[in-house]
Amino acid sequence: MRYVSILCAAFLGTQVGADCASNAQVEQYVRDYLSNTATSALSADGSMTDALCTQAKIAAALEPHIGPIIGYKAGLTSAPAQERFGASEPVQGVLFRDMMVEDGATVPAAWGARPVFEADLILVVGDTAINQAATPAEVIANVSAIRPFIELPDLTLAEGEPITPVTLTAIGVAPKLGVLGSEIPVTDAEAMTQALADMTVTLSAADGEVLAQAPGAAVLGHPANAALWLMSKGIEFKPGDLISVGSFGPLFPPAKGKGGASATYAGLPNDPTVSVVFE
């Protein structure tokens, strides 16, 4: 509840624009989210301040259903993602405990109203000193582990509803499920910083077809820059927090996976892979 409390203090207790979602709108969104029903955009005509106010309300309403917030996500961190949604910078959202599944898990192919999947990566915060980091190397020096990650967002909004940086932020950047690979401990921060920049991330369908391939630098020049961007927006990390750095390429509907998906990180120790089955 820490992040929700911070957002509530910043937005809910002050006079904000008229396009912070009402309690009734939030209740309807949560009902639709939980039933995988396409829904209406929130804060569509508002500012990013309105969107963050709405996000705080939704996060508080979702926690009883999908567990507490365990981390944060920077969305739209690659050029293809920003181009798709007309963004000039990333957007910030949250990760919930019960959205996470383990490597190799089987999930319903219709995990949301508008399900998509993407190759992502998780940084596990090791020390509060990360909050004073100013460079990717300083971020990684305060990360305890890296985890391969296939995110399975739900874009949620009905056909014809605006999907923009503001409406994506309002819904917490569409969290629904995420597949966590095994932890890769950071034992040599300097080497890991370089490996993350140089790695090649490959997203493949279940039959081996390569859907997307990108270097580590495709995410804001270095995956750790996602953490720096989130901190620039006021997020303060604590040990154990998960940081989703964002997509290394386009988002795909489940049908493109032909029954599943895998993401491989060539250049990280042992070239790890994480996979998921769609049924």
Protein backbone atom coordinates (compact mmCIF):
# COMPACT_ATOMS: atom_id res chain seq x y z
CA MET A 1 0.00 0.00 0.00
CA ARG A 2 3.02 2.33 0.24
CA TYR A 3 2.86 3.49 -3.40
CA VAL A 4 -0.92 3.88 -3.23
CA SER A 5 -0.61 5.93 -0.04
CA ILE A 6 1.99 8.19 -1.65
CA LEU A 7 -0.16 8.75 -4.72
CA CYS A 8 -3.25 9.29 -2.61
CA ALA A 9 -1.44 11.88 -0.53
CA ALA A 10 -0.21 13.61 -3.65
CA PHE A 11 -3.43 13.53 -5.64
CA LEU A 12 -6.50 12.44 -3.72
CA GLY A 13 -6.08 14.92 -0.90
CA THR A 14 -5.63 17.89 -3.17
CA GLN A 15 -7.74 19.66 -5.75
CA VAL A 16 -7.10 17.94 -9.06
CA GLY A 17 -8.58 18.22 -12.52
CA ALA A 18 -12.08 17.06 -13.22
CA ASP A 19 -10.90 13.98 -15.07
CA CYS A 20 -9.66 11.93 -12.11
CA ALA A 21 -12.00 8.94 -12.23
CA SER A 22 -14.97 8.93 -9.87
CA ASN A 23 -15.46 6.15 -7.36
CA ALA A 24 -18.28 4.78 -9.52
CA GLN A 25 -16.02 4.71 -12.58
CA VAL A 26 -13.29 2.91 -10.63
CA GLU A 27 -15.77 0.33 -9.33
CA GLN A 28 -16.97 -0.36 -12.88
CA TYR A 29 -13.38 -0.63 -14.15
CA VAL A 30 -12.49 -3.14 -11.43
CA ARG A 31 -15.57 -5.25 -12.22
CA ASP A 32 -14.62 -5.27 -15.91
CA TYR A 33 -10.95 -5.98 -15.18
CA LEU A 34 -11.76 -8.98 -13.00
CA SER A 35 -14.22 -10.42 -15.54
CA ASN A 36 -11.97 -9.78 -18.58
CA THR A 37 -14.57 -7.44 -20.06
CA ALA A 38 -13.54 -4.63 -22.39
CA THR A 39 -14.11 -1.34 -20.66
CA SER A 40 -14.14 2.43 -21.04
CA ALA A 41 -11.07 4.63 -20.98
CA LEU A 42 -10.56 6.69 -17.84
CA SER A 43 -9.15 10.23 -17.63
CA ALA A 44 -9.23 10.30 -21.44
CA ASP A 45 -9.54 14.09 -21.61
CA GLY A 46 -7.39 14.75 -18.59
CA SER A 47 -3.78 15.42 -17.73
CA MET A 48 -1.10 13.04 -16.52
CA THR A 49 -1.91 14.30 -13.02
CA ASP A 50 -5.48 13.13 -13.50
CA ALA A 51 -4.20 9.79 -14.79
CA LEU A 52 -2.01 9.23 -11.73
CA CYS A 53 -4.92 10.14 -9.47
CA THR A 54 -7.03 7.51 -11.26
CA GLN A 55 -4.18 4.99 -11.05
CA ALA A 56 -4.01 5.44 -7.27
CA LYS A 57 -7.72 4.78 -6.90
CA ILE A 58 -7.62 1.70 -9.14
CA ALA A 59 -4.56 0.26 -7.40
CA ALA A 60 -6.23 0.60 -4.01
CA ALA A 61 -9.37 -1.06 -5.36
CA LEU A 62 -7.46 -3.94 -6.99
CA GLU A 63 -5.17 -4.87 -4.09
CA PRO A 64 -7.86 -6.86 -2.23
CA HIS A 65 -8.30 -8.96 -5.38
CA ILE A 66 -4.77 -9.41 -6.75
CA GLY A 67 -2.54 -8.77 -3.77
CA PRO A 68 -0.29 -5.90 -2.74
CA ILE A 69 1.93 -3.87 -5.01
CA ILE A 70 5.35 -5.53 -5.17
CA GLY A 71 7.01 -3.32 -7.74
CA TYR A 72 6.80 -0.80 -10.51
CA LYS A 73 6.85 -0.80 -14.27
CA ALA A 74 8.11 1.59 -16.87
CA GLY A 75 6.00 1.13 -19.97
CA LEU A 76 6.56 2.31 -23.53
CA THR A 77 10.34 2.20 -23.08
CA SER A 78 11.19 1.05 -26.60
CA ALA A 79 10.77 2.92 -29.86
CA PRO A 80 8.16 0.49 -31.29
CA ALA A 81 6.02 0.78 -28.15
CA GLN A 82 6.22 4.57 -28.11
CA GLU A 83 5.36 4.75 -31.80
CA ARG A 84 2.34 2.48 -31.36
CA PHE A 85 0.82 4.64 -28.64
CA GLY A 86 2.02 8.10 -29.67
CA ALA A 87 4.27 8.58 -26.64
CA SER A 88 7.28 10.86 -26.33
CA GLU A 89 8.49 9.29 -23.05
CA PRO A 90 7.71 6.20 -20.96
CA VAL A 91 4.73 5.81 -18.66
CA GLN A 92 4.67 4.51 -15.08
CA GLY A 93 2.62 1.74 -13.55
CA VAL A 94 2.60 -0.95 -10.90
CA LEU A 95 3.09 -4.69 -10.40
CA PHE A 96 0.88 -6.77 -8.09
CA ARG A 97 1.89 -9.91 -6.19
CA ASP A 98 -0.78 -12.24 -7.54
CA MET A 99 -0.21 -11.36 -11.20
CA MET A 100 3.09 -13.25 -11.15
CA VAL A 101 3.44 -16.85 -12.39
CA GLU A 102 6.55 -19.01 -12.62
CA ASP A 103 8.60 -19.98 -15.66
CA GLY A 104 6.82 -22.58 -17.81
CA ALA A 105 3.37 -21.79 -16.41
CA THR A 106 0.21 -22.45 -18.40
CA VAL A 107 -2.20 -19.52 -18.62
CA PRO A 108 -5.53 -19.06 -20.42
CA ALA A 109 -5.05 -17.71 -23.94
CA ALA A 110 -7.75 -15.16 -23.10
CA TRP A 111 -6.10 -13.81 -19.96
CA GLY A 112 -7.71 -10.43 -20.51
CA ALA A 113 -10.20 -8.51 -22.58
CA ARG A 114 -7.43 -7.43 -24.98
CA PRO A 115 -4.47 -9.63 -24.07
CA VAL A 116 -0.97 -9.07 -25.47
CA PHE A 117 2.50 -10.37 -24.61
CA GLU A 118 5.98 -8.91 -24.71
CA ALA A 119 9.60 -9.63 -23.79
CA ASP A 120 10.51 -7.69 -20.66
CA LEU A 121 13.06 -7.91 -17.84
CA ILE A 122 12.92 -7.52 -14.06
CA LEU A 123 15.47 -5.82 -11.83
CA VAL A 124 15.26 -6.88 -8.17
CA VAL A 125 16.17 -4.02 -5.84
CA GLY A 126 18.89 -4.97 -3.36
CA ASP A 127 19.59 -1.77 -1.46
CA THR A 128 17.93 1.58 -0.81
CA ALA A 129 21.09 3.23 -2.14
CA ILE A 130 19.57 2.66 -5.58
CA ASN A 131 17.53 5.80 -4.91
CA GLN A 132 20.72 7.87 -5.12
CA ALA A 133 21.84 6.27 -8.40
CA ALA A 134 22.52 8.57 -11.32
CA THR A 135 23.87 6.12 -13.91
CA PRO A 136 22.99 2.60 -15.10
CA ALA A 137 26.12 1.27 -13.37
CA GLU A 138 25.02 2.78 -10.06
CA VAL A 139 21.57 1.23 -10.48
CA ILE A 140 22.96 -2.24 -11.13
CA ALA A 141 25.37 -1.90 -8.19
CA ASN A 142 22.25 -1.80 -5.99
CA VAL A 143 20.32 -4.57 -7.73
CA SER A 144 20.48 -8.02 -6.15
CA ALA A 145 19.31 -10.01 -9.18
CA ILE A 146 17.99 -9.91 -12.73
CA ARG A 147 14.96 -12.00 -13.75
CA PRO A 148 13.83 -12.82 -17.30
CA PHE A 149 10.24 -11.72 -17.67
CA ILE A 150 7.46 -12.15 -20.20
CA GLU A 151 4.75 -9.67 -19.36
CA LEU A 152 1.17 -10.54 -20.29
CA PRO A 153 -0.67 -7.21 -20.12
CA ASP A 154 -4.35 -6.61 -20.77
CA LEU A 155 -4.92 -3.43 -22.75
CA THR A 156 -8.45 -3.68 -21.32
CA LEU A 157 -10.03 -0.82 -23.24
CA ALA A 158 -12.85 -1.55 -25.70
CA GLU A 159 -12.36 -1.10 -29.43
CA GLY A 160 -12.67 2.57 -30.28
CA GLU A 161 -11.64 3.76 -26.82
CA PRO A 162 -8.48 5.94 -26.83
CA ILE A 163 -5.30 4.13 -25.81
CA THR A 164 -2.89 6.96 -25.08
CA PRO A 165 -0.10 7.60 -22.58
CA VAL A 166 -2.69 9.21 -20.29
CA THR A 167 -5.28 6.41 -20.48
CA LEU A 168 -2.56 3.75 -20.14
CA THR A 169 -1.21 5.50 -17.04
CA ALA A 170 -4.70 5.73 -15.58
CA ILE A 171 -4.99 1.92 -15.62
CA GLY A 172 -1.51 1.37 -14.21
CA VAL A 173 -0.04 0.49 -17.63
CA ALA A 174 -2.27 -2.56 -18.06
CA PRO A 175 -0.90 -5.10 -15.54
CA LYS A 176 -2.54 -8.53 -15.67
CA LEU A 177 -0.02 -11.42 -15.60
CA GLY A 178 3.74 -11.82 -15.77
CA VAL A 179 6.02 -14.85 -16.15
CA LEU A 180 9.08 -14.67 -13.91
CA GLY A 181 12.26 -16.51 -14.85
CA SER A 182 14.87 -17.69 -12.38
CA GLU A 183 16.94 -15.10 -10.54
CA ILE A 184 20.37 -14.29 -11.95
CA PRO A 185 22.37 -12.95 -9.00
CA VAL A 186 24.36 -9.78 -9.60
CA THR A 187 27.81 -10.79 -8.35
CA ASP A 188 29.81 -8.48 -10.59
CA ALA A 189 27.90 -5.24 -11.09
CA GLU A 190 30.28 -3.84 -13.69
CA ALA A 191 30.11 -6.99 -15.84
CA MET A 192 26.32 -7.18 -15.49
CA THR A 193 25.92 -3.54 -16.47
CA GLN A 194 27.82 -4.23 -19.69
CA ALA A 195 26.02 -7.52 -20.33
CA LEU A 196 22.61 -5.86 -20.05
CA ALA A 197 23.59 -3.27 -22.66
CA ASP A 198 25.08 -5.84 -25.04
CA MET A 199 22.60 -8.73 -24.70
CA THR A 200 20.21 -9.74 -27.46
CA VAL A 201 16.62 -10.38 -26.39
CA THR A 202 14.67 -12.74 -28.66
CA LEU A 203 10.92 -13.30 -28.33
CA SER A 204 9.72 -16.49 -30.02
CA ALA A 205 6.44 -18.28 -30.61
CA ALA A 206 5.88 -21.80 -29.32
CA ASP A 207 6.93 -23.28 -32.68
CA GLY A 208 10.25 -21.39 -32.62
CA GLU A 209 9.28 -18.58 -34.98
CA VAL A 210 11.17 -15.43 -34.01
CA LEU A 211 8.65 -12.66 -33.38
CA ALA A 212 11.02 -9.92 -32.27
CA GLN A 213 14.69 -9.44 -31.52
CA ALA A 214 16.37 -6.43 -29.94
CA PRO A 215 19.55 -5.44 -28.10
CA GLY A 216 19.49 -4.53 -24.44
CA ALA A 217 20.05 -0.94 -25.47
CA ALA A 218 16.61 -0.93 -27.14
CA VAL A 219 15.14 0.01 -23.74
CA LEU A 220 16.05 3.65 -23.20
CA GLY A 221 19.67 3.02 -24.16
CA HIS A 222 20.12 0.64 -21.21
CA PRO A 223 17.53 -1.34 -19.19
CA ALA A 224 18.67 0.33 -15.95
CA ASN A 225 17.58 3.68 -17.36
CA ALA A 226 14.00 2.52 -16.75
CA ALA A 227 14.73 2.59 -13.01
CA LEU A 228 16.31 6.04 -13.30
CA TRP A 229 13.25 7.29 -15.20
CA LEU A 230 10.87 5.93 -12.55
CA MET A 231 12.89 7.62 -9.83
CA SER A 232 12.74 10.88 -11.78
CA LYS A 233 8.95 10.62 -11.44
CA GLY A 234 9.14 10.35 -7.67
CA ILE A 235 9.18 6.60 -7.08
CA GLU A 236 11.37 5.52 -4.17
CA PHE A 237 12.47 1.89 -4.17
CA LYS A 238 12.97 -0.45 -1.23
CA PRO A 239 14.84 -3.78 -1.08
CA GLY A 240 12.89 -6.56 -2.74
CA ASP A 241 10.94 -4.31 -5.09
CA LEU A 242 10.61 -5.56 -8.65
CA ILE A 243 11.24 -3.15 -11.51
CA SER A 244 9.83 -4.04 -14.92
CA VAL A 245 12.00 -2.22 -17.45
CA GLY A 246 9.51 -2.43 -20.32
CA SER A 247 9.22 -4.09 -23.68
CA PHE A 248 12.19 -4.97 -25.90
CA GLY A 249 9.98 -4.82 -28.97
CA PRO A 250 6.38 -4.88 -30.17
CA LEU A 251 3.43 -6.32 -28.30
CA PHE A 252 1.71 -9.37 -29.80
CA PRO A 253 -1.74 -10.92 -29.39
CA PRO A 254 -1.80 -14.50 -28.03
CA ALA A 255 -2.58 -15.97 -31.47
CA LYS A 256 0.89 -14.93 -32.64
CA GLY A 257 2.38 -17.21 -30.00
CA LYS A 258 0.80 -20.33 -31.54
CA GLY A 259 0.28 -21.84 -28.12
CA GLY A 260 2.91 -20.04 -26.09
CA ALA A 261 5.99 -17.85 -26.08
CA SER A 262 9.59 -17.76 -24.90
CA ALA A 263 12.11 -15.00 -24.37
CA THR A 264 15.87 -15.63 -24.50
CA TYR A 265 18.54 -13.22 -23.24
CA ALA A 266 21.73 -14.06 -25.12
CA GLY A 267 24.70 -12.47 -23.42
CA LEU A 268 23.46 -12.72 -19.86
CA PRO A 269 25.02 -15.52 -17.74
CA ASN A 270 24.03 -18.89 -19.28
CA ASP A 271 21.81 -17.19 -21.91
CA PRO A 272 18.63 -17.64 -19.84
CA THR A 273 15.18 -18.29 -21.26
CA VAL A 274 11.70 -17.86 -19.79
CA SER A 275 8.60 -19.44 -21.33
CA VAL A 276 4.84 -19.64 -21.00
CA VAL A 277 2.11 -21.88 -22.47
CA PHE A 278 -1.20 -20.46 -23.72
CA GLU A 279 -4.27 -22.67 -23.60
